[in-house]
PDB file of N, CA and C in Angstrom:
ATOM      1  N   UNK A   1     -36.474  32.595  29.604  1.00  0.00           N
ATOM      2  CA  UNK A   1     -36.084  33.994  29.588  1.00  0.00           C
ATOM      3  C   UNK A   1     -34.651  34.084  29.088  1.00  0.00           C
ATOM      4  N   UNK A   2     -34.398  35.003  28.215  1.00  0.00           N
ATOM      5  CA  UNK A   2     -33.068  35.180  27.629  1.00  0.00           C
ATOM      6  C   UNK A   2     -32.141  35.895  28.596  1.00  0.00           C
ATOM      7  N   UNK A   3     -30.874  35.559  28.524  1.00  0.00           N
ATOM      8  CA  UNK A   3     -29.879  36.216  29.363  1.00  0.00           C
ATOM      9  C   UNK A   3     -28.839  36.918  28.503  1.00  0.00           C
ATOM     10  N   UNK A   4     -29.189  37.218  27.270  1.00  0.00           N
ATOM     11  CA  UNK A   4     -28.251  37.892  26.379  1.00  0.00           C
ATOM     12  C   UNK A   4     -28.197  39.370  26.705  1.00  0.00           C
ATOM     13  N   UNK A   5     -27.060  40.032  26.399  1.00  0.00           N
ATOM     14  CA  UNK A   5     -26.951  41.468  26.692  1.00  0.00           C
ATOM     15  C   UNK A   5     -28.100  42.250  26.064  1.00  0.00           C
ATOM     16  N   UNK A   6     -28.655  43.143  26.836  1.00  0.00           N
ATOM     17  CA  UNK A   6     -29.725  44.001  26.345  1.00  0.00           C
ATOM     18  C   UNK A   6     -31.111  43.406  26.506  1.00  0.00           C
ATOM     19  N   UNK A   7     -31.204  42.141  26.903  1.00  0.00           N
ATOM     20  CA  UNK A   7     -32.515  41.529  27.070  1.00  0.00           C
ATOM     21  C   UNK A   7     -33.021  41.775  28.487  1.00  0.00           C
ATOM     22  N   UNK A   8     -34.338  41.750  28.677  1.00  0.00           N
ATOM     23  CA  UNK A   8     -34.877  41.955  30.021  1.00  0.00           C
ATOM     24  C   UNK A   8     -34.424  40.845  30.961  1.00  0.00           C
ATOM     25  N   UNK A   9     -34.282  41.177  32.221  1.00  0.00           N
ATOM     26  CA  UNK A   9     -33.914  40.185  33.223  1.00  0.00           C
ATOM     27  C   UNK A   9     -35.020  40.099  34.253  1.00  0.00           C
ATOM     28  N   UNK A  10     -34.914  39.144  35.137  1.00  0.00           N
ATOM     29  CA  UNK A  10     -35.908  38.989  36.195  1.00  0.00           C
ATOM     30  C   UNK A  10     -36.013  40.224  37.073  1.00  0.00           C
ATOM     31  N   UNK A  11     -34.927  40.971  37.194  1.00  0.00           N
ATOM     32  CA  UNK A  11     -34.874  42.085  38.132  1.00  0.00           C
ATOM     33  C   UNK A  11     -34.948  43.447  37.443  1.00  0.00           C
ATOM     34  N   UNK A  12     -35.388  43.502  36.182  1.00  0.00           N
ATOM     35  CA  UNK A  12     -35.344  44.759  35.445  1.00  0.00           C
ATOM     36  C   UNK A  12     -36.243  45.833  36.040  1.00  0.00           C
ATOM     37  N   UNK A  13     -37.234  45.459  36.832  1.00  0.00           N
ATOM     38  CA  UNK A  13     -38.106  46.444  37.471  1.00  0.00           C
ATOM     39  C   UNK A  13     -37.721  46.726  38.915  1.00  0.00           C
ATOM     40  N   UNK A  14     -36.715  46.030  39.420  1.00  0.00           N
ATOM     41  CA  UNK A  14     -36.292  46.224  40.807  1.00  0.00           C
ATOM     42  C   UNK A  14     -35.589  47.568  40.961  1.00  0.00           C
ATOM     43  N   UNK A  15     -35.636  48.100  42.160  1.00  0.00           N
ATOM     44  CA  UNK A  15     -34.969  49.375  42.450  1.00  0.00           C
ATOM     45  C   UNK A  15     -33.458  49.211  42.350  1.00  0.00           C
ATOM     46  N   UNK A  16     -32.793  50.294  41.975  1.00  0.00           N
ATOM     47  CA  UNK A  16     -31.334  50.281  41.912  1.00  0.00           C
ATOM     48  C   UNK A  16     -30.803  50.353  43.339  1.00  0.00           C
ATOM     49  N   UNK A  17     -29.992  49.368  43.710  1.00  0.00           N
ATOM     50  CA  UNK A  17     -29.428  49.307  45.058  1.00  0.00           C
ATOM     51  C   UNK A  17     -28.112  50.068  45.140  1.00  0.00           C
ATOM     52  N   UNK A  18     -27.256  49.896  44.133  1.00  0.00           N
ATOM     53  CA  UNK A  18     -25.938  50.540  44.104  1.00  0.00           C
ATOM     54  C   UNK A  18     -25.771  51.200  42.747  1.00  0.00           C
ATOM     55  N   UNK A  19     -25.414  52.477  42.759  1.00  0.00           N
ATOM     56  CA  UNK A  19     -25.193  53.196  41.500  1.00  0.00           C
ATOM     57  C   UNK A  19     -23.915  54.020  41.600  1.00  0.00           C
ATOM     58  N   UNK A  20     -23.003  53.747  40.700  1.00  0.00           N
ATOM     59  CA  UNK A  20     -21.768  54.523  40.576  1.00  0.00           C
ATOM     60  C   UNK A  20     -21.902  55.362  39.318  1.00  0.00           C
ATOM     61  N   UNK A  21     -21.591  56.644  39.428  1.00  0.00           N
ATOM     62  CA  UNK A  21     -21.715  57.546  38.293  1.00  0.00           C
ATOM     63  C   UNK A  21     -20.433  58.336  38.119  1.00  0.00           C
ATOM     64  N   UNK A  22     -19.803  58.181  36.960  1.00  0.00           N
ATOM     65  CA  UNK A  22     -18.625  58.975  36.618  1.00  0.00           C
ATOM     66  C   UNK A  22     -17.432  58.767  37.529  1.00  0.00           C
ATOM     67  N   UNK A  23     -17.278  57.564  38.079  1.00  0.00           N
ATOM     68  CA  UNK A  23     -16.185  57.316  39.032  1.00  0.00           C
ATOM     69  C   UNK A  23     -14.840  57.345  38.305  1.00  0.00           C
ATOM     70  N   UNK A  24     -13.984  58.241  38.757  1.00  0.00           N
ATOM     71  CA  UNK A  24     -12.632  58.379  38.211  1.00  0.00           C
ATOM     72  C   UNK A  24     -11.650  58.355  39.368  1.00  0.00           C
ATOM     73  N   UNK A  25     -10.578  57.599  39.189  1.00  0.00           N
ATOM     74  CA  UNK A  25      -9.509  57.540  40.182  1.00  0.00           C
ATOM     75  C   UNK A  25      -8.177  57.586  39.458  1.00  0.00           C
ATOM     76  N   UNK A  26      -7.340  58.524  39.909  1.00  0.00           N
ATOM     77  CA  UNK A  26      -6.001  58.689  39.343  1.00  0.00           C
ATOM     78  C   UNK A  26      -4.959  58.424  40.415  1.00  0.00           C
ATOM     79  N   UNK A  27      -3.856  57.851  39.985  1.00  0.00           N
ATOM     80  CA  UNK A  27      -2.666  57.710  40.816  1.00  0.00           C
ATOM     81  C   UNK A  27      -1.568  58.439  40.066  1.00  0.00           C
ATOM     82  N   UNK A  28      -1.348  59.708  40.424  1.00  0.00           N
ATOM     83  CA  UNK A  28      -0.431  60.536  39.648  1.00  0.00           C
ATOM     84  C   UNK A  28      -1.001  60.722  38.253  1.00  0.00           C
ATOM     85  N   UNK A  29      -0.208  60.434  37.234  1.00  0.00           N
ATOM     86  CA  UNK A  29      -0.657  60.580  35.848  1.00  0.00           C
ATOM     87  C   UNK A  29      -1.447  59.357  35.365  1.00  0.00           C
ATOM     88  N   UNK A  30      -1.396  58.263  36.136  1.00  0.00           N
ATOM     89  CA  UNK A  30      -2.075  57.031  35.726  1.00  0.00           C
ATOM     90  C   UNK A  30      -3.550  57.098  36.108  1.00  0.00           C
ATOM     91  N   UNK A  31      -4.426  56.852  35.143  1.00  0.00           N
ATOM     92  CA  UNK A  31      -5.869  56.834  35.391  1.00  0.00           C
ATOM     93  C   UNK A  31      -6.301  55.377  35.547  1.00  0.00           C
ATOM     94  N   UNK A  32      -6.654  55.000  36.770  1.00  0.00           N
ATOM     95  CA  UNK A  32      -7.055  53.615  37.048  1.00  0.00           C
ATOM     96  C   UNK A  32      -8.514  53.371  36.677  1.00  0.00           C
ATOM     97  N   UNK A  33      -9.383  54.327  36.968  1.00  0.00           N
ATOM     98  CA  UNK A  33     -10.802  54.278  36.599  1.00  0.00           C
ATOM     99  C   UNK A  33     -11.135  55.591  35.919  1.00  0.00           C
ATOM    100  N   UNK A  34     -11.787  55.525  34.779  1.00  0.00           N
ATOM    101  CA  UNK A  34     -12.060  56.727  33.986  1.00  0.00           C
ATOM    102  C   UNK A  34     -13.552  56.842  33.691  1.00  0.00           C
ATOM    103  N   UNK A  35     -14.266  57.548  34.551  1.00  0.00           N
ATOM    104  CA  UNK A  35     -15.687  57.809  34.320  1.00  0.00           C
ATOM    105  C   UNK A  35     -16.558  56.563  34.343  1.00  0.00           C
ATOM    106  N   UNK A  36     -16.347  55.691  35.313  1.00  0.00           N
ATOM    107  CA  UNK A  36     -17.085  54.424  35.395  1.00  0.00           C
ATOM    108  C   UNK A  36     -18.521  54.668  35.853  1.00  0.00           C
ATOM    109  N   UNK A  37     -19.465  54.110  35.111  1.00  0.00           N
ATOM    110  CA  UNK A  37     -20.879  54.103  35.477  1.00  0.00           C
ATOM    111  C   UNK A  37     -21.297  52.653  35.680  1.00  0.00           C
ATOM    112  N   UNK A  38     -21.987  52.382  36.776  1.00  0.00           N
ATOM    113  CA  UNK A  38     -22.457  51.030  37.065  1.00  0.00           C
ATOM    114  C   UNK A  38     -23.719  51.131  37.907  1.00  0.00           C
ATOM    115  N   UNK A  39     -24.738  50.388  37.522  1.00  0.00           N
ATOM    116  CA  UNK A  39     -25.970  50.323  38.314  1.00  0.00           C
ATOM    117  C   UNK A  39     -26.292  48.859  38.572  1.00  0.00           C
ATOM    118  N   UNK A  40     -26.534  48.530  39.824  1.00  0.00           N
ATOM    119  CA  UNK A  40     -26.883  47.166  40.224  1.00  0.00           C
ATOM    120  C   UNK A  40     -28.238  47.219  40.914  1.00  0.00           C
ATOM    121  N   UNK A  41     -29.187  46.500  40.346  1.00  0.00           N
ATOM    122  CA  UNK A  41     -30.532  46.452  40.923  1.00  0.00           C
ATOM    123  C   UNK A  41     -30.608  45.379  42.007  1.00  0.00           C
ATOM    124  N   UNK A  42     -31.549  45.554  42.900  1.00  0.00           N
ATOM    125  CA  UNK A  42     -31.764  44.557  43.958  1.00  0.00           C
ATOM    126  C   UNK A  42     -31.948  43.178  43.323  1.00  0.00           C
ATOM    127  N   UNK A  43     -31.258  42.193  43.879  1.00  0.00           N
ATOM    128  CA  UNK A  43     -31.387  40.824  43.405  1.00  0.00           C
ATOM    129  C   UNK A  43     -30.462  40.454  42.269  1.00  0.00           C
ATOM    130  N   UNK A  44     -29.796  41.422  41.669  1.00  0.00           N
ATOM    131  CA  UNK A  44     -28.878  41.129  40.567  1.00  0.00           C
ATOM    132  C   UNK A  44     -27.512  40.705  41.091  1.00  0.00           C
ATOM    133  N   UNK A  45     -26.829  39.947  40.272  1.00  0.00           N
ATOM    134  CA  UNK A  45     -25.446  39.564  40.536  1.00  0.00           C
ATOM    135  C   UNK A  45     -24.634  39.990  39.330  1.00  0.00           C
ATOM    136  N   UNK A  46     -23.550  40.699  39.569  1.00  0.00           N
ATOM    137  CA  UNK A  46     -22.676  41.157  38.490  1.00  0.00           C
ATOM    138  C   UNK A  46     -21.269  40.652  38.733  1.00  0.00           C
ATOM    139  N   UNK A  47     -20.525  40.514  37.669  1.00  0.00           N
ATOM    140  CA  UNK A  47     -19.102  40.187  37.755  1.00  0.00           C
ATOM    141  C   UNK A  47     -18.335  41.283  37.038  1.00  0.00           C
ATOM    142  N   UNK A  48     -17.259  41.712  37.642  1.00  0.00           N
ATOM    143  CA  UNK A  48     -16.386  42.700  37.008  1.00  0.00           C
ATOM    144  C   UNK A  48     -15.122  41.955  36.621  1.00  0.00           C
ATOM    145  N   UNK A  49     -14.891  41.873  35.325  1.00  0.00           N
ATOM    146  CA  UNK A  49     -13.741  41.120  34.834  1.00  0.00           C
ATOM    147  C   UNK A  49     -12.852  42.020  33.991  1.00  0.00           C
ATOM    148  N   UNK A  50     -11.606  41.658  33.910  1.00  0.00           N
ATOM    149  CA  UNK A  50     -10.659  42.407  33.090  1.00  0.00           C
ATOM    150  C   UNK A  50      -9.250  41.935  33.367  1.00  0.00           C
ATOM    151  N   UNK A  51      -8.353  42.415  32.567  1.00  0.00           N
ATOM    152  CA  UNK A  51      -6.949  42.054  32.711  1.00  0.00           C
ATOM    153  C   UNK A  51      -6.383  42.627  34.001  1.00  0.00           C
ATOM    154  N   UNK A  52      -5.236  42.094  34.415  1.00  0.00           N
ATOM    155  CA  UNK A  52      -4.519  42.673  35.553  1.00  0.00           C
ATOM    156  C   UNK A  52      -4.251  44.142  35.260  1.00  0.00           C
ATOM    157  N   UNK A  53      -4.485  44.984  36.253  1.00  0.00           N
ATOM    158  CA  UNK A  53      -4.236  46.412  36.085  1.00  0.00           C
ATOM    159  C   UNK A  53      -5.362  47.172  35.415  1.00  0.00           C
ATOM    160  N   UNK A  54      -6.502  46.517  35.181  1.00  0.00           N
ATOM    161  CA  UNK A  54      -7.617  47.174  34.495  1.00  0.00           C
ATOM    162  C   UNK A  54      -8.411  48.109  35.400  1.00  0.00           C
ATOM    163  N   UNK A  55      -8.230  48.017  36.725  1.00  0.00           N
ATOM    164  CA  UNK A  55      -8.929  48.915  37.638  1.00  0.00           C
ATOM    165  C   UNK A  55     -10.052  48.278  38.431  1.00  0.00           C
ATOM    166  N   UNK A  56     -10.192  46.967  38.344  1.00  0.00           N
ATOM    167  CA  UNK A  56     -11.277  46.274  39.061  1.00  0.00           C
ATOM    168  C   UNK A  56     -11.160  46.446  40.574  1.00  0.00           C
ATOM    169  N   UNK A  57      -9.985  46.162  41.103  1.00  0.00           N
ATOM    170  CA  UNK A  57      -9.777  46.270  42.548  1.00  0.00           C
ATOM    171  C   UNK A  57      -9.891  47.715  43.000  1.00  0.00           C
ATOM    172  N   UNK A  58      -9.387  48.632  42.209  1.00  0.00           N
ATOM    173  CA  UNK A  58      -9.508  50.055  42.544  1.00  0.00           C
ATOM    174  C   UNK A  58     -10.974  50.443  42.676  1.00  0.00           C
ATOM    175  N   UNK A  59     -11.802  50.004  41.743  1.00  0.00           N
ATOM    176  CA  UNK A  59     -13.227  50.325  41.791  1.00  0.00           C
ATOM    177  C   UNK A  59     -13.884  49.752  43.046  1.00  0.00           C
ATOM    178  N   UNK A  60     -13.572  48.512  43.376  1.00  0.00           N
ATOM    179  CA  UNK A  60     -14.147  47.898  44.576  1.00  0.00           C
ATOM    180  C   UNK A  60     -13.618  48.565  45.847  1.00  0.00           C
ATOM    181  N   UNK A  61     -12.352  48.962  45.836  1.00  0.00           N
ATOM    182  CA  UNK A  61     -11.798  49.674  46.995  1.00  0.00           C
ATOM    183  C   UNK A  61     -12.474  51.023  47.195  1.00  0.00           C
ATOM    184  N   UNK A  62     -12.883  51.665  46.120  1.00  0.00           N
ATOM    185  CA  UNK A  62     -13.642  52.918  46.228  1.00  0.00           C
ATOM    186  C   UNK A  62     -15.016  52.630  46.831  1.00  0.00           C
ATOM    187  N   UNK A  63     -15.677  51.600  46.343  1.00  0.00           N
ATOM    188  CA  UNK A  63     -17.015  51.271  46.841  1.00  0.00           C
ATOM    189  C   UNK A  63     -16.987  50.885  48.315  1.00  0.00           C
ATOM    190  N   UNK A  64     -15.880  50.315  48.774  1.00  0.00           N
ATOM    191  CA  UNK A  64     -15.772  49.898  50.173  1.00  0.00           C
ATOM    192  C   UNK A  64     -15.103  50.948  51.056  1.00  0.00           C
ATOM    193  N   UNK A  65     -14.718  52.094  50.499  1.00  0.00           N
ATOM    194  CA  UNK A  65     -14.165  53.171  51.311  1.00  0.00           C
ATOM    195  C   UNK A  65     -12.681  53.079  51.589  1.00  0.00           C
ATOM    196  N   UNK A  66     -11.985  52.164  50.931  1.00  0.00           N
ATOM    197  CA  UNK A  66     -10.534  52.072  51.115  1.00  0.00           C
ATOM    198  C   UNK A  66      -9.807  53.139  50.305  1.00  0.00           C
ATOM    199  N   UNK A  67     -10.438  53.606  49.236  1.00  0.00           N
ATOM    200  CA  UNK A  67      -9.933  54.711  48.415  1.00  0.00           C
ATOM    201  C   UNK A  67     -11.074  55.688  48.183  1.00  0.00           C
ATOM    202  N   UNK A  68     -10.724  56.932  47.891  1.00  0.00           N
ATOM    203  CA  UNK A  68     -11.726  57.937  47.558  1.00  0.00           C
ATOM    204  C   UNK A  68     -11.649  58.242  46.066  1.00  0.00           C
ATOM    205  N   UNK A  69     -12.786  58.388  45.394  1.00  0.00           N
ATOM    206  CA  UNK A  69     -12.737  58.739  43.971  1.00  0.00           C
ATOM    207  C   UNK A  69     -12.284  60.186  43.805  1.00  0.00           C
ATOM    208  N   UNK A  70     -11.597  60.463  42.713  1.00  0.00           N
ATOM    209  CA  UNK A  70     -11.234  61.844  42.394  1.00  0.00           C
ATOM    210  C   UNK A  70     -12.419  62.577  41.778  1.00  0.00           C
ATOM    211  N   UNK A  71     -13.284  61.831  41.113  1.00  0.00           N
ATOM    212  CA  UNK A  71     -14.503  62.384  40.521  1.00  0.00           C
ATOM    213  C   UNK A  71     -15.598  61.334  40.619  1.00  0.00           C
ATOM    214  N   UNK A  72     -16.840  61.798  40.540  1.00  0.00           N
ATOM    215  CA  UNK A  72     -17.968  60.885  40.492  1.00  0.00           C
ATOM    216  C   UNK A  72     -18.700  60.772  41.814  1.00  0.00           C
ATOM    217  N   UNK A  73     -19.778  59.985  41.783  1.00  0.00           N
ATOM    218  CA  UNK A  73     -20.615  59.840  42.974  1.00  0.00           C
ATOM    219  C   UNK A  73     -21.088  58.400  43.130  1.00  0.00           C
ATOM    220  N   UNK A  74     -21.483  58.097  44.365  1.00  0.00           N
ATOM    221  CA  UNK A  74     -22.012  56.781  44.723  1.00  0.00           C
ATOM    222  C   UNK A  74     -23.378  56.996  45.357  1.00  0.00           C
ATOM    223  N   UNK A  75     -24.347  56.192  44.920  1.00  0.00           N
ATOM    224  CA  UNK A  75     -25.680  56.225  45.506  1.00  0.00           C
ATOM    225  C   UNK A  75     -26.028  54.814  45.977  1.00  0.00           C
ATOM    226  N   UNK A  76     -26.539  54.736  47.193  1.00  0.00           N
ATOM    227  CA  UNK A  76     -27.046  53.475  47.732  1.00  0.00           C
ATOM    228  C   UNK A  76     -28.532  53.643  47.981  1.00  0.00           C
ATOM    229  N   UNK A  77     -29.320  52.799  47.359  1.00  0.00           N
ATOM    230  CA  UNK A  77     -30.782  52.872  47.494  1.00  0.00           C
ATOM    231  C   UNK A  77     -31.303  54.269  47.189  1.00  0.00           C
ATOM    232  N   UNK A  78     -30.714  54.906  46.173  1.00  0.00           N
ATOM    233  CA  UNK A  78     -31.169  56.211  45.719  1.00  0.00           C
ATOM    234  C   UNK A  78     -30.605  57.401  46.465  1.00  0.00           C
ATOM    235  N   UNK A  79     -29.864  57.175  47.534  1.00  0.00           N
ATOM    236  CA  UNK A  79     -29.308  58.261  48.342  1.00  0.00           C
ATOM    237  C   UNK A  79     -27.815  58.394  48.085  1.00  0.00           C
ATOM    238  N   UNK A  80     -27.367  59.600  47.773  1.00  0.00           N
ATOM    239  CA  UNK A  80     -25.934  59.809  47.584  1.00  0.00           C
ATOM    240  C   UNK A  80     -25.212  59.623  48.913  1.00  0.00           C
ATOM    241  N   UNK A  81     -24.052  58.978  48.851  1.00  0.00           N
ATOM    242  CA  UNK A  81     -23.284  58.684  50.056  1.00  0.00           C
ATOM    243  C   UNK A  81     -21.807  58.894  49.771  1.00  0.00           C
ATOM    244  N   UNK A  82     -21.104  59.408  50.764  1.00  0.00           N
ATOM    245  CA  UNK A  82     -19.645  59.485  50.711  1.00  0.00           C
ATOM    246  C   UNK A  82     -19.137  58.374  51.617  1.00  0.00           C
ATOM    247  N   UNK A  83     -18.439  57.428  51.029  1.00  0.00           N
ATOM    248  CA  UNK A  83     -17.928  56.293  51.799  1.00  0.00           C
ATOM    249  C   UNK A  83     -16.490  56.620  52.171  1.00  0.00           C
ATOM    250  N   UNK A  84     -16.340  57.298  53.298  1.00  0.00           N
ATOM    251  CA  UNK A  84     -15.041  57.825  53.721  1.00  0.00           C
ATOM    252  C   UNK A  84     -14.086  56.737  54.188  1.00  0.00           C
ATOM    253  N   UNK A  85     -14.636  55.629  54.685  1.00  0.00           N
ATOM    254  CA  UNK A  85     -13.795  54.525  55.148  1.00  0.00           C
ATOM    255  C   UNK A  85     -14.666  53.273  55.238  1.00  0.00           C
ATOM    256  N   UNK A  86     -14.047  52.108  55.440  1.00  0.00           N
ATOM    257  CA  UNK A  86     -14.826  50.870  55.473  1.00  0.00           C
ATOM    258  C   UNK A  86     -15.931  50.831  56.530  1.00  0.00           C
ATOM    259  N   UNK A  87     -15.773  51.538  57.635  1.00  0.00           N
ATOM    260  CA  UNK A  87     -16.830  51.512  58.651  1.00  0.00           C
ATOM    261  C   UNK A  87     -18.113  52.133  58.114  1.00  0.00           C
ATOM    262  N   UNK A  88     -17.996  53.143  57.267  1.00  0.00           N
ATOM    263  CA  UNK A  88     -19.175  53.754  56.641  1.00  0.00           C
ATOM    264  C   UNK A  88     -19.824  52.746  55.696  1.00  0.00           C
ATOM    265  N   UNK A  89     -19.001  52.034  54.920  1.00  0.00           N
ATOM    266  CA  UNK A  89     -19.523  51.025  53.994  1.00  0.00           C
ATOM    267  C   UNK A  89     -20.269  49.935  54.753  1.00  0.00           C
ATOM    268  N   UNK A  90     -19.681  49.455  55.823  1.00  0.00           N
ATOM    269  CA  UNK A  90     -20.293  48.378  56.606  1.00  0.00           C
ATOM    270  C   UNK A  90     -21.613  48.840  57.212  1.00  0.00           C
ATOM    271  N   UNK A  91     -21.647  50.056  57.757  1.00  0.00           N
ATOM    272  CA  UNK A  91     -22.893  50.592  58.327  1.00  0.00           C
ATOM    273  C   UNK A  91     -23.975  50.731  57.262  1.00  0.00           C
ATOM    274  N   UNK A  92     -23.550  50.967  56.000  1.00  0.00           N
ATOM    275  CA  UNK A  92     -24.498  51.115  54.896  1.00  0.00           C
ATOM    276  C   UNK A  92     -24.925  49.763  54.321  1.00  0.00           C
ATOM    277  N   UNK A  93     -24.339  48.679  54.846  1.00  0.00           N
ATOM    278  CA  UNK A  93     -24.719  47.351  54.391  1.00  0.00           C
ATOM    279  C   UNK A  93     -23.838  46.767  53.305  1.00  0.00           C
ATOM    280  N   UNK A  94     -22.699  47.396  53.048  1.00  0.00           N
ATOM    281  CA  UNK A  94     -21.761  46.884  52.049  1.00  0.00           C
ATOM    282  C   UNK A  94     -20.676  46.069  52.731  1.00  0.00           C
ATOM    283  N   UNK A  95     -20.273  45.002  52.102  1.00  0.00           N
ATOM    284  CA  UNK A  95     -19.170  44.190  52.598  1.00  0.00           C
ATOM    285  C   UNK A  95     -18.235  43.871  51.462  1.00  0.00           C
ATOM    286  N   UNK A  96     -17.049  43.421  51.795  1.00  0.00           N
ATOM    287  CA  UNK A  96     -16.070  43.094  50.762  1.00  0.00           C
ATOM    288  C   UNK A  96     -15.274  41.874  51.197  1.00  0.00           C
ATOM    289  N   UNK A  97     -15.149  40.927  50.296  1.00  0.00           N
ATOM    290  CA  UNK A  97     -14.286  39.774  50.514  1.00  0.00           C
ATOM    291  C   UNK A  97     -13.091  39.980  49.603  1.00  0.00           C
ATOM    292  N   UNK A  98     -11.934  40.117  50.195  1.00  0.00           N
ATOM    293  CA  UNK A  98     -10.736  40.400  49.411  1.00  0.00           C
ATOM    294  C   UNK A  98     -10.268  39.153  48.676  1.00  0.00           C
ATOM    295  N   UNK A  99      -9.577  39.377  47.569  1.00  0.00           N
ATOM    296  CA  UNK A  99      -9.106  38.283  46.736  1.00  0.00           C
ATOM    297  C   UNK A  99      -8.171  37.360  47.510  1.00  0.00           C
ATOM    298  N   UNK A 100      -7.285  37.938  48.294  1.00  0.00           N
ATOM    299  CA  UNK A 100      -6.319  37.151  49.053  1.00  0.00           C
ATOM    300  C   UNK A 100      -6.701  37.228  50.527  1.00  0.00           C
ATOM    301  N   UNK A 101      -7.524  36.319  50.947  1.00  0.00           N
ATOM    302  CA  UNK A 101      -7.960  36.329  52.334  1.00  0.00           C
ATOM    303  C   UNK A 101      -7.494  35.052  53.014  1.00  0.00           C
ATOM    304  N   UNK A 102      -7.434  35.124  54.297  1.00  0.00           N
ATOM    305  CA  UNK A 102      -7.020  33.975  55.097  1.00  0.00           C
ATOM    306  C   UNK A 102      -8.243  33.425  55.818  1.00  0.00           C
ATOM    307  N   UNK A 103      -8.463  32.143  55.678  1.00  0.00           N
ATOM    308  CA  UNK A 103      -9.532  31.496  56.423  1.00  0.00           C
ATOM    309  C   UNK A 103      -9.022  31.100  57.798  1.00  0.00           C
ATOM    310  N   UNK A 104      -9.921  31.064  58.745  1.00  0.00           N
ATOM    311  CA  UNK A 104      -9.593  30.591  60.088  1.00  0.00           C
ATOM    312  C   UNK A 104     -10.081  29.148  60.156  1.00  0.00           C
ATOM    313  N   UNK A 105      -9.155  28.180  60.131  1.00  0.00           N
ATOM    314  CA  UNK A 105      -9.549  26.766  60.037  1.00  0.00           C
ATOM    315  C   UNK A 105     -10.473  26.291  61.148  1.00  0.00           C
ATOM    316  N   UNK A 106     -10.377  26.872  62.323  1.00  0.00           N
ATOM    317  CA  UNK A 106     -11.204  26.413  63.444  1.00  0.00           C
ATOM    318  C   UNK A 106     -12.636  26.943  63.379  1.00  0.00           C
ATOM    319  N   UNK A 107     -12.915  27.883  62.453  1.00  0.00           N
ATOM    320  CA  UNK A 107     -14.262  28.443  62.331  1.00  0.00           C
ATOM    321  C   UNK A 107     -15.036  27.736  61.228  1.00  0.00           C
ATOM    322  N   UNK A 108     -16.350  27.774  61.335  1.00  0.00           N
ATOM    323  CA  UNK A 108     -17.205  27.217  60.286  1.00  0.00           C
ATOM    324  C   UNK A 108     -17.132  28.114  59.054  1.00  0.00           C
ATOM    325  N   UNK A 109     -17.666  27.622  57.943  1.00  0.00           N
ATOM    326  CA  UNK A 109     -17.713  28.423  56.721  1.00  0.00           C
ATOM    327  C   UNK A 109     -18.480  29.715  56.983  1.00  0.00           C
ATOM    328  N   UNK A 110     -19.644  29.603  57.623  1.00  0.00           N
ATOM    329  CA  UNK A 110     -20.460  30.789  57.911  1.00  0.00           C
ATOM    330  C   UNK A 110     -19.701  31.777  58.791  1.00  0.00           C
ATOM    331  N   UNK A 111     -19.013  31.289  59.816  1.00  0.00           N
ATOM    332  CA  UNK A 111     -18.259  32.183  60.698  1.00  0.00           C
ATOM    333  C   UNK A 111     -17.130  32.878  59.941  1.00  0.00           C
ATOM    334  N   UNK A 112     -16.477  32.175  59.011  1.00  0.00           N
ATOM    335  CA  UNK A 112     -15.436  32.801  58.201  1.00  0.00           C
ATOM    336  C   UNK A 112     -16.025  33.892  57.314  1.00  0.00           C
ATOM    337  N   UNK A 113     -17.203  33.636  56.749  1.00  0.00           N
ATOM    338  CA  UNK A 113     -17.849  34.632  55.894  1.00  0.00           C
ATOM    339  C   UNK A 113     -18.186  35.880  56.694  1.00  0.00           C
ATOM    340  N   UNK A 114     -18.698  35.707  57.907  1.00  0.00           N
ATOM    341  CA  UNK A 114     -19.128  36.842  58.720  1.00  0.00           C
ATOM    342  C   UNK A 114     -17.993  37.488  59.510  1.00  0.00           C
ATOM    343  N   UNK A 115     -16.807  36.923  59.435  1.00  0.00           N
ATOM    344  CA  UNK A 115     -15.668  37.451  60.179  1.00  0.00           C
ATOM    345  C   UNK A 115     -15.387  38.911  59.830  1.00  0.00           C
ATOM    346  N   UNK A 116     -15.506  39.263  58.562  1.00  0.00           N
ATOM    347  CA  UNK A 116     -15.232  40.633  58.130  1.00  0.00           C
ATOM    348  C   UNK A 116     -16.255  41.649  58.584  1.00  0.00           C
ATOM    349  N   UNK A 117     -17.373  41.202  59.105  1.00  0.00           N
ATOM    350  CA  UNK A 117     -18.420  42.124  59.546  1.00  0.00           C
ATOM    351  C   UNK A 117     -18.215  42.577  60.975  1.00  0.00           C
ATOM    352  N   UNK A 118     -17.286  41.973  61.689  1.00  0.00           N
ATOM    353  CA  UNK A 118     -17.090  42.326  63.099  1.00  0.00           C
ATOM    354  C   UNK A 118     -16.115  43.464  63.245  1.00  0.00           C
TER     355      UNK A 118
END
């Protein structure tokens, strides 16, 4: 099976789990995210890459409820949701591992992974 852009994937018939539509976030005159559309189907893995300052962290902070979008909507499993804060994201089944995190050496790998869910 090909993995080139535009080719079918194993999950092309799976339901959309996370859908961002028209997500825009401004900080004063600076536009960090400008009309971002993203759909992730169940079972898919995506990577968001870009230069420093491209808006990757801002987009993830919106999805996790740390920031609110100025425009656009978020749908989880087909239902529109307002993620007002991280507790809403966690209840909806979303989690986030921050780029700069501290591991607890006395905990197992699994316990460190699940630490953010408590």
